[in-house]
Amino acid sequence: MDDLIKKIQNKYDTTVLHHKTIRDTSKSLVIYLETTTGKFIGKAFPPQKERLHFMLNAEAHLRKNGVLIPDVQRTKNNKRYITHKEKLFVLHQRLSWPNIAYNSPIRMERVGMVLGKFHANSLGFSSKHGKQYNGAETWSEEYKTDLAALDKWELRHAGKNDQKYAAIAEYLPFFKKAGMTAKEHLLSSPYFSKWKKEPLTNHFLCHGDFNNGNLLVSNQRIAIIDWEDVRYDFPSKDIARILSLAMRKKDQWNEELFSHILSGYLQENPLSIEQLHLLFVDLAFPHIIERFLRKKLYAQMSLAEIQQFCNREALKTAFMLDELKAHVS
């Protein structure tokens, strides 16, 4: 750590007065720094310059278009990062604002508005590395693979005398059927085919981890941090993330909460009926169930928690299936 602090002082022409390690694992290093030039969050990234350039350029494009993202601190040579132990290291200005709470429908509407504004203002972003980070390319294959994964899980656990497995197995036919319906709608959607072929400047950028831990609030302003997973994709990806976390907090499916998120979102980024159809297709697909099984999240949960989780996901999925059918253009 001393080597890194020395390098920061030298490259950024500053004095570090205080530093604290926030996270240090084999995969990530995050530190907090107080210096003579301000307070910063420093992050180490894997040595993939194309990925880092894509992220930093996406941030710059969004900042220019009015999205509130902490600035990158440049070195004395005007570089956006330094290299340390084969990792790329970036300093972002640190905002000492609290995280937004997901505790009321009005707050959720605000979050929807912030997300809608960011997606709308992300259009027009161009990157020579864009093809590597184009979500649209993976959808058809992902739907196929995820459905196969549900089948495999069911086969592997068939006949096991275990209450947890039995609780999940009860819901699986419903989720598989929902997944098949969503997949059929995806593959027959003229808009999906058109969207895939559009130049990437017409694709939205998605954050990839749009949760309240990455939303900082001060008065009426909300800043978005931690852009490591940014890519070209469709609004459903970030909306699903908000919804999943809000449901986890409430421990139930809440139609009112979702309608607040979506109405806030559509105020800032109105979607056509074709786009709404694709949104509901993706929200009806059992992505979250597939992840739940793949990561064996049920292992840490009680039987009651598993039943509650499956029930709220099933209610959400049933709602999205109805919306999907209502928005066929």
C-alpha atoms as a PDB file:
ATOM      1  CA  MET A   1       0.000   0.000   0.000  1.00  0.00           C
ATOM      2  CA  ASP A   2       2.874   2.402   0.796  1.00  0.00           C
ATOM      3  CA  ASP A   3       4.165   2.001  -2.784  1.00  0.00           C
ATOM      4  CA  LEU A   4       0.755   2.931  -4.153  1.00  0.00           C
ATOM      5  CA  ILE A   5       0.420   5.980  -1.878  1.00  0.00           C
ATOM      6  CA  LYS A   6       3.897   7.182  -2.946  1.00  0.00           C
ATOM      7  CA  LYS A   7       2.989   6.708  -6.592  1.00  0.00           C
ATOM      8  CA  ILE A   8      -0.302   8.631  -6.139  1.00  0.00           C
ATOM      9  CA  GLN A   9       1.542  11.521  -4.455  1.00  0.00           C
ATOM     10  CA  ASN A  10       4.080  11.626  -7.263  1.00  0.00           C
ATOM     11  CA  LYS A  11       1.777  11.161 -10.279  1.00  0.00           C
ATOM     12  CA  TYR A  12      -1.009  13.419  -9.014  1.00  0.00           C
ATOM     13  CA  ASP A  13       1.338  16.003  -7.481  1.00  0.00           C
ATOM     14  CA  THR A  14      -0.488  15.915  -4.149  1.00  0.00           C
ATOM     15  CA  THR A  15       0.117  14.953  -0.527  1.00  0.00           C
ATOM     16  CA  VAL A  16      -1.967  12.144   0.971  1.00  0.00           C
ATOM     17  CA  LEU A  17      -3.011  13.243   4.480  1.00  0.00           C
ATOM     18  CA  HIS A  18      -5.084  10.180   5.337  1.00  0.00           C
ATOM     19  CA  HIS A  19      -6.092   6.957   3.601  1.00  0.00           C
ATOM     20  CA  LYS A  20      -8.326   4.024   4.431  1.00  0.00           C
ATOM     21  CA  THR A  21      -8.820   0.695   2.664  1.00  0.00           C
ATOM     22  CA  ILE A  22     -12.505   0.133   1.874  1.00  0.00           C
ATOM     23  CA  ARG A  23     -12.067  -3.206   0.103  1.00  0.00           C
ATOM     24  CA  ASP A  24      -9.014  -5.313  -0.673  1.00  0.00           C
ATOM     25  CA  THR A  25      -9.608  -8.721  -2.247  1.00  0.00           C
ATOM     26  CA  SER A  26      -7.921 -10.698  -5.008  1.00  0.00           C
ATOM     27  CA  LYS A  27     -10.472  -9.158  -7.392  1.00  0.00           C
ATOM     28  CA  SER A  28     -10.740  -5.572  -6.213  1.00  0.00           C
ATOM     29  CA  LEU A  29      -8.996  -2.788  -4.354  1.00  0.00           C
ATOM     30  CA  VAL A  30     -10.892   0.335  -3.257  1.00  0.00           C
ATOM     31  CA  ILE A  31      -9.361   3.026  -1.057  1.00  0.00           C
ATOM     32  CA  TYR A  32     -10.509   6.338   0.399  1.00  0.00           C
ATOM     33  CA  LEU A  33      -8.002   9.203   0.224  1.00  0.00           C
ATOM     34  CA  GLU A  34      -7.854  12.625   1.832  1.00  0.00           C
ATOM     35  CA  THR A  35      -5.260  14.762   0.070  1.00  0.00           C
ATOM     36  CA  THR A  36      -4.169  18.383  -0.212  1.00  0.00           C
ATOM     37  CA  THR A  37      -6.179  18.564  -3.463  1.00  0.00           C
ATOM     38  CA  GLY A  38      -9.397  16.989  -2.169  1.00  0.00           C
ATOM     39  CA  LYS A  39     -11.081  13.725  -1.158  1.00  0.00           C
ATOM     40  CA  PHE A  40     -11.074  10.784  -3.559  1.00  0.00           C
ATOM     41  CA  ILE A  41     -12.099   7.173  -4.013  1.00  0.00           C
ATOM     42  CA  GLY A  42      -9.310   5.184  -5.673  1.00  0.00           C
ATOM     43  CA  LYS A  43     -10.075   1.955  -7.510  1.00  0.00           C
ATOM     44  CA  ALA A  44      -7.891  -0.681  -9.123  1.00  0.00           C
ATOM     45  CA  PHE A  45      -9.142  -2.199 -12.392  1.00  0.00           C
ATOM     46  CA  PRO A  46      -7.958  -5.278 -14.319  1.00  0.00           C
ATOM     47  CA  PRO A  47      -5.314  -4.498 -16.966  1.00  0.00           C
ATOM     48  CA  GLN A  48      -7.839  -4.246 -19.820  1.00  0.00           C
ATOM     49  CA  LYS A  49      -7.362  -0.779 -21.251  1.00  0.00           C
ATOM     50  CA  GLU A  50     -10.201  -1.130 -23.804  1.00  0.00           C
ATOM     51  CA  ARG A  51     -12.669  -1.831 -20.990  1.00  0.00           C
ATOM     52  CA  LEU A  52     -11.437   1.077 -18.868  1.00  0.00           C
ATOM     53  CA  HIS A  53     -11.494   3.470 -21.844  1.00  0.00           C
ATOM     54  CA  PHE A  54     -15.061   2.374 -22.637  1.00  0.00           C
ATOM     55  CA  MET A  55     -16.138   3.022 -19.023  1.00  0.00           C
ATOM     56  CA  LEU A  56     -14.376   6.394 -18.671  1.00  0.00           C
ATOM     57  CA  ASN A  57     -15.591   7.592 -22.086  1.00  0.00           C
ATOM     58  CA  ALA A  58     -19.161   6.519 -21.253  1.00  0.00           C
ATOM     59  CA  GLU A  59     -18.943   8.477 -17.975  1.00  0.00           C
ATOM     60  CA  ALA A  60     -17.624  11.549 -19.837  1.00  0.00           C
ATOM     61  CA  HIS A  61     -20.431  11.337 -22.439  1.00  0.00           C
ATOM     62  CA  LEU A  62     -23.068  11.125 -19.691  1.00  0.00           C
ATOM     63  CA  ARG A  63     -21.548  13.971 -17.647  1.00  0.00           C
ATOM     64  CA  LYS A  64     -21.559  16.179 -20.733  1.00  0.00           C
ATOM     65  CA  ASN A  65     -25.260  15.346 -21.182  1.00  0.00           C
ATOM     66  CA  GLY A  66     -26.262  16.316 -17.651  1.00  0.00           C
ATOM     67  CA  VAL A  67     -25.942  13.041 -15.710  1.00  0.00           C
ATOM     68  CA  LEU A  68     -24.368  13.637 -12.296  1.00  0.00           C
ATOM     69  CA  ILE A  69     -21.252  11.439 -11.965  1.00  0.00           C
ATOM     70  CA  PRO A  70     -18.227  12.307  -9.770  1.00  0.00           C
ATOM     71  CA  ASP A  71     -15.321  13.632 -11.858  1.00  0.00           C
ATOM     72  CA  VAL A  72     -12.170  11.680 -12.615  1.00  0.00           C
ATOM     73  CA  GLN A  73      -9.057  13.274 -11.130  1.00  0.00           C
ATOM     74  CA  ARG A  74      -6.372  13.594 -13.795  1.00  0.00           C
ATOM     75  CA  THR A  75      -2.653  13.153 -13.137  1.00  0.00           C
ATOM     76  CA  LYS A  76      -0.185  16.028 -13.494  1.00  0.00           C
ATOM     77  CA  ASN A  77       0.374  14.710 -17.057  1.00  0.00           C
ATOM     78  CA  ASN A  78      -3.392  14.902 -17.724  1.00  0.00           C
ATOM     79  CA  LYS A  79      -3.863  11.105 -17.720  1.00  0.00           C
ATOM     80  CA  ARG A  80      -7.087   9.530 -16.409  1.00  0.00           C
ATOM     81  CA  TYR A  81      -5.379   6.606 -14.654  1.00  0.00           C
ATOM     82  CA  ILE A  82      -2.051   5.283 -13.461  1.00  0.00           C
ATOM     83  CA  THR A  83      -0.646   1.745 -13.566  1.00  0.00           C
ATOM     84  CA  HIS A  84       0.251  -0.050 -10.348  1.00  0.00           C
ATOM     85  CA  LYS A  85       1.253  -3.726 -10.026  1.00  0.00           C
ATOM     86  CA  GLU A  86      -0.204  -4.493 -13.472  1.00  0.00           C
ATOM     87  CA  LYS A  87      -3.552  -2.964 -12.480  1.00  0.00           C
ATOM     88  CA  LEU A  88      -5.040   0.288 -13.774  1.00  0.00           C
ATOM     89  CA  PHE A  89      -5.816   2.721 -10.975  1.00  0.00           C
ATOM     90  CA  VAL A  90      -8.379   5.558 -11.178  1.00  0.00           C
ATOM     91  CA  LEU A  91      -9.231   8.359  -8.741  1.00  0.00           C
ATOM     92  CA  HIS A  92     -12.792   9.683  -8.692  1.00  0.00           C
ATOM     93  CA  GLN A  93     -13.826  12.657  -6.583  1.00  0.00           C
ATOM     94  CA  ARG A  94     -15.533  11.449  -3.447  1.00  0.00           C
ATOM     95  CA  LEU A  95     -19.036  12.720  -2.683  1.00  0.00           C
ATOM     96  CA  SER A  96     -19.916  12.471   1.000  1.00  0.00           C
ATOM     97  CA  TRP A  97     -23.629  12.141   0.240  1.00  0.00           C
ATOM     98  CA  PRO A  98     -25.809   9.389   1.729  1.00  0.00           C
ATOM     99  CA  ASN A  99     -27.342   6.581  -0.349  1.00  0.00           C
ATOM    100  CA  ILE A 100     -30.926   7.064  -1.443  1.00  0.00           C
ATOM    101  CA  ALA A 101     -33.439   4.979   0.532  1.00  0.00           C
ATOM    102  CA  TYR A 102     -35.883   2.725  -1.347  1.00  0.00           C
ATOM    103  CA  ASN A 103     -38.554   3.320   1.265  1.00  0.00           C
ATOM    104  CA  SER A 104     -41.477   5.082  -0.403  1.00  0.00           C
ATOM    105  CA  PRO A 105     -43.343   5.070  -3.726  1.00  0.00           C
ATOM    106  CA  ILE A 106     -42.393   8.743  -4.289  1.00  0.00           C
ATOM    107  CA  ARG A 107     -38.690   7.924  -3.799  1.00  0.00           C
ATOM    108  CA  MET A 108     -39.024   5.031  -6.245  1.00  0.00           C
ATOM    109  CA  GLU A 109     -40.541   7.418  -8.773  1.00  0.00           C
ATOM    110  CA  ARG A 110     -37.508   9.709  -8.331  1.00  0.00           C
ATOM    111  CA  VAL A 111     -35.191   6.742  -8.891  1.00  0.00           C
ATOM    112  CA  GLY A 112     -37.171   5.858 -12.038  1.00  0.00           C
ATOM    113  CA  MET A 113     -36.782   9.450 -13.269  1.00  0.00           C
ATOM    114  CA  VAL A 114     -33.018   9.445 -12.667  1.00  0.00           C
ATOM    115  CA  LEU A 115     -32.687   6.155 -14.548  1.00  0.00           C
ATOM    116  CA  GLY A 116     -34.889   7.366 -17.425  1.00  0.00           C
ATOM    117  CA  LYS A 117     -32.899  10.587 -17.762  1.00  0.00           C
ATOM    118  CA  PHE A 118     -29.599   8.685 -17.776  1.00  0.00           C
ATOM    119  CA  HIS A 119     -30.814   6.203 -20.430  1.00  0.00           C
ATOM    120  CA  ALA A 120     -32.263   8.983 -22.632  1.00  0.00           C
ATOM    121  CA  ASN A 121     -29.055  11.029 -22.365  1.00  0.00           C
ATOM    122  CA  SER A 122     -26.856   8.022 -23.083  1.00  0.00           C
ATOM    123  CA  LEU A 123     -27.975   7.829 -26.725  1.00  0.00           C
ATOM    124  CA  GLY A 124     -25.341   8.980 -29.194  1.00  0.00           C
ATOM    125  CA  PHE A 125     -22.413   7.438 -27.314  1.00  0.00           C
ATOM    126  CA  SER A 126     -19.826   6.050 -29.692  1.00  0.00           C
ATOM    127  CA  SER A 127     -16.850   3.845 -28.816  1.00  0.00           C
ATOM    128  CA  LYS A 128     -14.405   1.993 -31.029  1.00  0.00           C
ATOM    129  CA  HIS A 129     -14.598  -0.821 -28.446  1.00  0.00           C
ATOM    130  CA  GLY A 130     -18.422  -0.830 -28.461  1.00  0.00           C
ATOM    131  CA  LYS A 131     -18.881  -4.187 -30.205  1.00  0.00           C
ATOM    132  CA  GLN A 132     -17.275  -5.943 -27.216  1.00  0.00           C
ATOM    133  CA  TYR A 133     -19.839  -4.428 -24.838  1.00  0.00           C
ATOM    134  CA  ASN A 134     -23.054  -4.840 -26.833  1.00  0.00           C
ATOM    135  CA  GLY A 135     -25.726  -6.598 -24.744  1.00  0.00           C
ATOM    136  CA  ALA A 136     -28.158  -7.017 -27.670  1.00  0.00           C
ATOM    137  CA  GLU A 137     -25.883  -9.638 -29.245  1.00  0.00           C
ATOM    138  CA  THR A 138     -26.257 -12.040 -26.300  1.00  0.00           C
ATOM    139  CA  TRP A 139     -30.022 -12.002 -25.651  1.00  0.00           C
ATOM    140  CA  SER A 140     -31.210 -14.884 -27.872  1.00  0.00           C
ATOM    141  CA  GLU A 141     -28.429 -17.188 -26.696  1.00  0.00           C
ATOM    142  CA  GLU A 142     -28.908 -16.181 -23.047  1.00  0.00           C
ATOM    143  CA  TYR A 143     -32.645 -16.968 -23.151  1.00  0.00           C
ATOM    144  CA  LYS A 144     -31.887 -20.389 -24.639  1.00  0.00           C
ATOM    145  CA  THR A 145     -29.082 -21.158 -22.155  1.00  0.00           C
ATOM    146  CA  ASP A 146     -31.046 -19.955 -19.113  1.00  0.00           C
ATOM    147  CA  LEU A 147     -34.074 -22.098 -20.003  1.00  0.00           C
ATOM    148  CA  ALA A 148     -31.799 -25.119 -20.469  1.00  0.00           C
ATOM    149  CA  ALA A 149     -30.251 -24.365 -17.045  1.00  0.00           C
ATOM    150  CA  LEU A 150     -33.704 -24.513 -15.387  1.00  0.00           C
ATOM    151  CA  ASP A 151     -34.317 -27.910 -17.030  1.00  0.00           C
ATOM    152  CA  LYS A 152     -30.922 -29.203 -15.902  1.00  0.00           C
ATOM    153  CA  TRP A 153     -31.461 -28.054 -12.324  1.00  0.00           C
ATOM    154  CA  GLU A 154     -34.874 -29.745 -12.231  1.00  0.00           C
ATOM    155  CA  LEU A 155     -33.469 -33.025 -13.590  1.00  0.00           C
ATOM    156  CA  ARG A 156     -30.495 -32.994 -11.236  1.00  0.00           C
ATOM    157  CA  HIS A 157     -32.706 -32.527  -8.177  1.00  0.00           C
ATOM    158  CA  ALA A 158     -35.661 -34.689  -9.231  1.00  0.00           C
ATOM    159  CA  GLY A 159     -36.702 -37.148  -6.545  1.00  0.00           C
ATOM    160  CA  LYS A 160     -34.465 -35.631  -3.848  1.00  0.00           C
ATOM    161  CA  ASN A 161     -36.162 -35.859  -0.505  1.00  0.00           C
ATOM    162  CA  ASP A 162     -35.501 -32.293   0.554  1.00  0.00           C
ATOM    163  CA  GLN A 163     -38.081 -29.655   1.501  1.00  0.00           C
ATOM    164  CA  LYS A 164     -36.091 -26.787  -0.005  1.00  0.00           C
ATOM    165  CA  TYR A 165     -35.807 -28.496  -3.391  1.00  0.00           C
ATOM    166  CA  ALA A 166     -39.474 -29.477  -3.246  1.00  0.00           C
ATOM    167  CA  ALA A 167     -40.481 -25.849  -2.566  1.00  0.00           C
ATOM    168  CA  ILE A 168     -38.504 -24.621  -5.600  1.00  0.00           C
ATOM    169  CA  ALA A 169     -39.640 -27.515  -7.830  1.00  0.00           C
ATOM    170  CA  GLU A 170     -43.274 -26.567  -7.196  1.00  0.00           C
ATOM    171  CA  TYR A 171     -42.719 -23.220  -8.949  1.00  0.00           C
ATOM    172  CA  LEU A 172     -40.353 -24.346 -11.723  1.00  0.00           C
ATOM    173  CA  PRO A 173     -42.994 -25.422 -14.308  1.00  0.00           C
ATOM    174  CA  PHE A 174     -44.529 -21.930 -14.068  1.00  0.00           C
ATOM    175  CA  PHE A 175     -41.173 -20.170 -14.517  1.00  0.00           C
ATOM    176  CA  LYS A 176     -40.184 -22.458 -17.405  1.00  0.00           C
ATOM    177  CA  LYS A 177     -43.487 -21.789 -19.168  1.00  0.00           C
ATOM    178  CA  ALA A 178     -43.081 -18.034 -18.605  1.00  0.00           C
ATOM    179  CA  GLY A 179     -39.547 -18.262 -20.004  1.00  0.00           C
ATOM    180  CA  MET A 180     -40.777 -20.098 -23.111  1.00  0.00           C
ATOM    181  CA  THR A 181     -43.493 -17.478 -23.668  1.00  0.00           C
ATOM    182  CA  ALA A 182     -40.983 -14.636 -23.268  1.00  0.00           C
ATOM    183  CA  LYS A 183     -38.528 -16.360 -25.620  1.00  0.00           C
ATOM    184  CA  GLU A 184     -41.221 -16.847 -28.292  1.00  0.00           C
ATOM    185  CA  HIS A 185     -42.171 -13.159 -28.034  1.00  0.00           C
ATOM    186  CA  LEU A 186     -38.507 -12.147 -28.205  1.00  0.00           C
ATOM    187  CA  LEU A 187     -37.739 -14.169 -31.328  1.00  0.00           C
ATOM    188  CA  SER A 188     -40.903 -13.034 -33.120  1.00  0.00           C
ATOM    189  CA  SER A 189     -40.473  -9.353 -32.170  1.00  0.00           C
ATOM    190  CA  PRO A 190     -39.799  -7.177 -35.247  1.00  0.00           C
ATOM    191  CA  TYR A 191     -38.515  -4.468 -32.889  1.00  0.00           C
ATOM    192  CA  PHE A 192     -35.932  -6.809 -31.313  1.00  0.00           C
ATOM    193  CA  SER A 193     -34.560  -7.719 -34.775  1.00  0.00           C
ATOM    194  CA  LYS A 194     -34.484  -4.036 -35.740  1.00  0.00           C
ATOM    195  CA  TRP A 195     -32.837  -2.952 -32.462  1.00  0.00           C
ATOM    196  CA  LYS A 196     -30.043  -5.523 -32.819  1.00  0.00           C
ATOM    197  CA  LYS A 197     -29.158  -4.144 -36.269  1.00  0.00           C
ATOM    198  CA  GLU A 198     -29.257  -0.471 -35.247  1.00  0.00           C
ATOM    199  CA  PRO A 199     -25.902   1.352 -34.969  1.00  0.00           C
ATOM    200  CA  LEU A 200     -24.685   1.295 -31.358  1.00  0.00           C
ATOM    201  CA  THR A 201     -25.132   5.074 -31.078  1.00  0.00           C
ATOM    202  CA  ASN A 202     -28.894   4.284 -31.110  1.00  0.00           C
ATOM    203  CA  HIS A 203     -28.560   1.792 -28.232  1.00  0.00           C
ATOM    204  CA  PHE A 204     -28.999   2.869 -24.615  1.00  0.00           C
ATOM    205  CA  LEU A 205     -26.162   2.543 -22.144  1.00  0.00           C
ATOM    206  CA  CYS A 206     -27.058   0.494 -19.051  1.00  0.00           C
ATOM    207  CA  HIS A 207     -25.300   0.843 -15.703  1.00  0.00           C
ATOM    208  CA  GLY A 208     -25.321  -2.868 -14.880  1.00  0.00           C
ATOM    209  CA  ASP A 209     -25.510  -2.433 -11.094  1.00  0.00           C
ATOM    210  CA  PHE A 210     -28.150   0.253 -10.639  1.00  0.00           C
ATOM    211  CA  ASN A 211     -28.846  -0.176  -6.917  1.00  0.00           C
ATOM    212  CA  ASN A 212     -29.337   2.299  -4.092  1.00  0.00           C
ATOM    213  CA  GLY A 213     -25.745   1.733  -2.904  1.00  0.00           C
ATOM    214  CA  ASN A 214     -24.646   3.404  -6.143  1.00  0.00           C
ATOM    215  CA  LEU A 215     -27.108   6.309  -5.916  1.00  0.00           C
ATOM    216  CA  LEU A 216     -26.014   9.212  -3.717  1.00  0.00           C
ATOM    217  CA  VAL A 217     -28.465  11.955  -2.825  1.00  0.00           C
ATOM    218  CA  SER A 218     -28.099  15.596  -1.761  1.00  0.00           C
ATOM    219  CA  ASN A 219     -31.179  17.866  -1.652  1.00  0.00           C
ATOM    220  CA  GLN A 220     -32.795  17.298  -5.055  1.00  0.00           C
ATOM    221  CA  ARG A 221     -29.687  15.934  -6.768  1.00  0.00           C
ATOM    222  CA  ILE A 222     -28.829  12.262  -7.287  1.00  0.00           C
ATOM    223  CA  ALA A 223     -25.354  11.163  -8.365  1.00  0.00           C
ATOM    224  CA  ILE A 224     -24.628   7.752  -9.904  1.00  0.00           C
ATOM    225  CA  ILE A 225     -21.345   6.009  -9.040  1.00  0.00           C
ATOM    226  CA  ASP A 226     -19.541   2.709  -9.821  1.00  0.00           C
ATOM    227  CA  TRP A 227     -19.739   2.347 -13.600  1.00  0.00           C
ATOM    228  CA  GLU A 228     -17.579  -0.802 -13.944  1.00  0.00           C
ATOM    229  CA  ASP A 229     -20.399  -2.817 -15.557  1.00  0.00           C
ATOM    230  CA  VAL A 230     -21.600  -0.165 -18.038  1.00  0.00           C
ATOM    231  CA  ARG A 231     -22.466  -1.498 -21.505  1.00  0.00           C
ATOM    232  CA  TYR A 232     -24.878  -1.002 -24.377  1.00  0.00           C
ATOM    233  CA  ASP A 233     -28.156  -2.757 -23.509  1.00  0.00           C
ATOM    234  CA  PHE A 234     -31.889  -2.301 -22.989  1.00  0.00           C
ATOM    235  CA  PRO A 235     -33.645  -0.392 -20.127  1.00  0.00           C
ATOM    236  CA  SER A 236     -35.139  -3.621 -18.706  1.00  0.00           C
ATOM    237  CA  LYS A 237     -31.705  -4.617 -17.352  1.00  0.00           C
ATOM    238  CA  ASP A 238     -31.413  -1.626 -14.997  1.00  0.00           C
ATOM    239  CA  ILE A 239     -35.150  -1.553 -14.185  1.00  0.00           C
ATOM    240  CA  ALA A 240     -35.001  -5.248 -13.183  1.00  0.00           C
ATOM    241  CA  ARG A 241     -32.156  -4.450 -10.777  1.00  0.00           C
ATOM    242  CA  ILE A 242     -34.064  -1.653  -9.020  1.00  0.00           C
ATOM    243  CA  LEU A 243     -37.207  -3.746  -8.833  1.00  0.00           C
ATOM    244  CA  SER A 244     -35.396  -6.790  -7.466  1.00  0.00           C
ATOM    245  CA  LEU A 245     -33.802  -4.775  -4.639  1.00  0.00           C
ATOM    246  CA  ALA A 246     -37.023  -2.917  -3.812  1.00  0.00           C
ATOM    247  CA  MET A 247     -38.889  -6.254  -3.639  1.00  0.00           C
ATOM    248  CA  ARG A 248     -36.200  -7.752  -1.433  1.00  0.00           C
ATOM    249  CA  LYS A 249     -36.632  -4.836   0.982  1.00  0.00           C
ATOM    250  CA  LYS A 250     -40.422  -5.191   1.093  1.00  0.00           C
ATOM    251  CA  ASP A 251     -40.190  -9.003   0.871  1.00  0.00           C
ATOM    252  CA  GLN A 252     -43.107  -9.077  -1.547  1.00  0.00           C
ATOM    253  CA  TRP A 253     -44.217  -8.208  -5.069  1.00  0.00           C
ATOM    254  CA  ASN A 254     -45.641  -4.692  -5.061  1.00  0.00           C
ATOM    255  CA  GLU A 255     -47.448  -3.564  -8.199  1.00  0.00           C
ATOM    256  CA  GLU A 256     -47.830  -0.002  -6.895  1.00  0.00           C
ATOM    257  CA  LEU A 257     -44.072   0.302  -6.359  1.00  0.00           C
ATOM    258  CA  PHE A 258     -43.365  -0.926  -9.893  1.00  0.00           C
ATOM    259  CA  SER A 259     -45.898   1.466 -11.417  1.00  0.00           C
ATOM    260  CA  HIS A 260     -44.158   4.356  -9.612  1.00  0.00           C
ATOM    261  CA  ILE A 261     -40.733   3.285 -10.911  1.00  0.00           C
ATOM    262  CA  LEU A 262     -42.061   2.952 -14.463  1.00  0.00           C
ATOM    263  CA  SER A 263     -44.096   6.173 -14.467  1.00  0.00           C
ATOM    264  CA  GLY A 264     -41.041   8.111 -13.228  1.00  0.00           C
ATOM    265  CA  TYR A 265     -38.917   6.405 -15.864  1.00  0.00           C
ATOM    266  CA  LEU A 266     -41.308   7.133 -18.746  1.00  0.00           C
ATOM    267  CA  GLN A 267     -41.535  10.821 -17.805  1.00  0.00           C
ATOM    268  CA  GLU A 268     -37.839  11.144 -18.682  1.00  0.00           C
ATOM    269  CA  ASN A 269     -37.507   8.444 -21.343  1.00  0.00           C
ATOM    270  CA  PRO A 270     -40.828   7.794 -23.110  1.00  0.00           C
ATOM    271  CA  LEU A 271     -40.766   4.364 -24.788  1.00  0.00           C
ATOM    272  CA  SER A 272     -42.793   3.339 -27.845  1.00  0.00           C
ATOM    273  CA  ILE A 273     -45.292   0.458 -27.600  1.00  0.00           C
ATOM    274  CA  GLU A 274     -42.721  -1.794 -29.343  1.00  0.00           C
ATOM    275  CA  GLN A 275     -40.064  -0.823 -26.803  1.00  0.00           C
ATOM    276  CA  LEU A 276     -42.478  -1.399 -23.909  1.00  0.00           C
ATOM    277  CA  HIS A 277     -43.278  -4.840 -25.321  1.00  0.00           C
ATOM    278  CA  LEU A 278     -39.561  -5.742 -25.316  1.00  0.00           C
ATOM    279  CA  LEU A 279     -39.216  -4.305 -21.793  1.00  0.00           C
ATOM    280  CA  PHE A 280     -41.997  -6.584 -20.488  1.00  0.00           C
ATOM    281  CA  VAL A 281     -40.631  -9.583 -22.429  1.00  0.00           C
ATOM    282  CA  ASP A 282     -37.329  -9.236 -20.593  1.00  0.00           C
ATOM    283  CA  LEU A 283     -38.944  -8.558 -17.201  1.00  0.00           C
ATOM    284  CA  ALA A 284     -41.184 -11.643 -17.631  1.00  0.00           C
ATOM    285  CA  PHE A 285     -38.211 -13.913 -18.369  1.00  0.00           C
ATOM    286  CA  PRO A 286     -36.967 -15.796 -15.243  1.00  0.00           C
ATOM    287  CA  HIS A 287     -33.437 -14.287 -15.233  1.00  0.00           C
ATOM    288  CA  ILE A 288     -33.551 -13.884 -11.447  1.00  0.00           C
ATOM    289  CA  ILE A 289     -34.681 -17.484 -10.841  1.00  0.00           C
ATOM    290  CA  GLU A 290     -31.883 -18.785 -13.092  1.00  0.00           C
ATOM    291  CA  ARG A 291     -29.331 -16.755 -11.112  1.00  0.00           C
ATOM    292  CA  PHE A 292     -30.892 -17.882  -7.794  1.00  0.00           C
ATOM    293  CA  LEU A 293     -30.406 -21.547  -8.800  1.00  0.00           C
ATOM    294  CA  ARG A 294     -26.985 -21.114 -10.448  1.00  0.00           C
ATOM    295  CA  LYS A 295     -25.523 -19.319  -7.438  1.00  0.00           C
ATOM    296  CA  LYS A 296     -27.295 -21.709  -5.017  1.00  0.00           C
ATOM    297  CA  LEU A 297     -28.640 -18.718  -3.073  1.00  0.00           C
ATOM    298  CA  TYR A 298     -31.257 -21.038  -1.553  1.00  0.00           C
ATOM    299  CA  ALA A 299     -28.518 -22.781   0.455  1.00  0.00           C
ATOM    300  CA  GLN A 300     -28.312 -19.790   2.825  1.00  0.00           C
ATOM    301  CA  MET A 301     -32.091 -19.391   3.114  1.00  0.00           C
ATOM    302  CA  SER A 302     -34.720 -20.981   5.323  1.00  0.00           C
ATOM    303  CA  LEU A 303     -37.639 -22.891   3.805  1.00  0.00           C
ATOM    304  CA  ALA A 304     -40.000 -19.978   4.576  1.00  0.00           C
ATOM    305  CA  GLU A 305     -37.620 -17.497   2.890  1.00  0.00           C
ATOM    306  CA  ILE A 306     -37.405 -19.685  -0.228  1.00  0.00           C
ATOM    307  CA  GLN A 307     -41.197 -19.927  -0.425  1.00  0.00           C
ATOM    308  CA  GLN A 308     -41.529 -16.159   0.045  1.00  0.00           C
ATOM    309  CA  PHE A 309     -38.895 -15.484  -2.644  1.00  0.00           C
ATOM    310  CA  CYS A 310     -40.452 -17.881  -5.191  1.00  0.00           C
ATOM    311  CA  ASN A 311     -43.932 -16.539  -4.483  1.00  0.00           C
ATOM    312  CA  ARG A 312     -42.996 -12.884  -5.006  1.00  0.00           C
ATOM    313  CA  GLU A 313     -41.049 -13.739  -8.194  1.00  0.00           C
ATOM    314  CA  ALA A 314     -44.049 -15.723  -9.493  1.00  0.00           C
ATOM    315  CA  LEU A 315     -46.462 -12.832  -8.790  1.00  0.00           C
ATOM    316  CA  LYS A 316     -44.089 -10.393 -10.511  1.00  0.00           C
ATOM    317  CA  THR A 317     -43.691 -12.737 -13.498  1.00  0.00           C
ATOM    318  CA  ALA A 318     -47.473 -13.204 -13.858  1.00  0.00           C
ATOM    319  CA  PHE A 319     -47.896  -9.409 -13.889  1.00  0.00           C
ATOM    320  CA  MET A 320     -45.147  -8.964 -16.524  1.00  0.00           C
ATOM    321  CA  LEU A 321     -46.680 -11.708 -18.714  1.00  0.00           C
ATOM    322  CA  ASP A 322     -50.015  -9.851 -18.679  1.00  0.00           C
ATOM    323  CA  GLU A 323     -48.253  -6.594 -19.608  1.00  0.00           C
ATOM    324  CA  LEU A 324     -46.222  -8.325 -22.325  1.00  0.00           C
ATOM    325  CA  LYS A 325     -49.430  -9.590 -23.962  1.00  0.00           C
ATOM    326  CA  ALA A 326     -51.127  -6.193 -23.571  1.00  0.00           C
ATOM    327  CA  HIS A 327     -48.264  -4.438 -25.399  1.00  0.00           C
ATOM    328  CA  VAL A 328     -48.058  -6.611 -28.515  1.00  0.00           C
ATOM    329  CA  SER A 329     -48.147  -4.042 -31.322  1.00  0.00           C
END
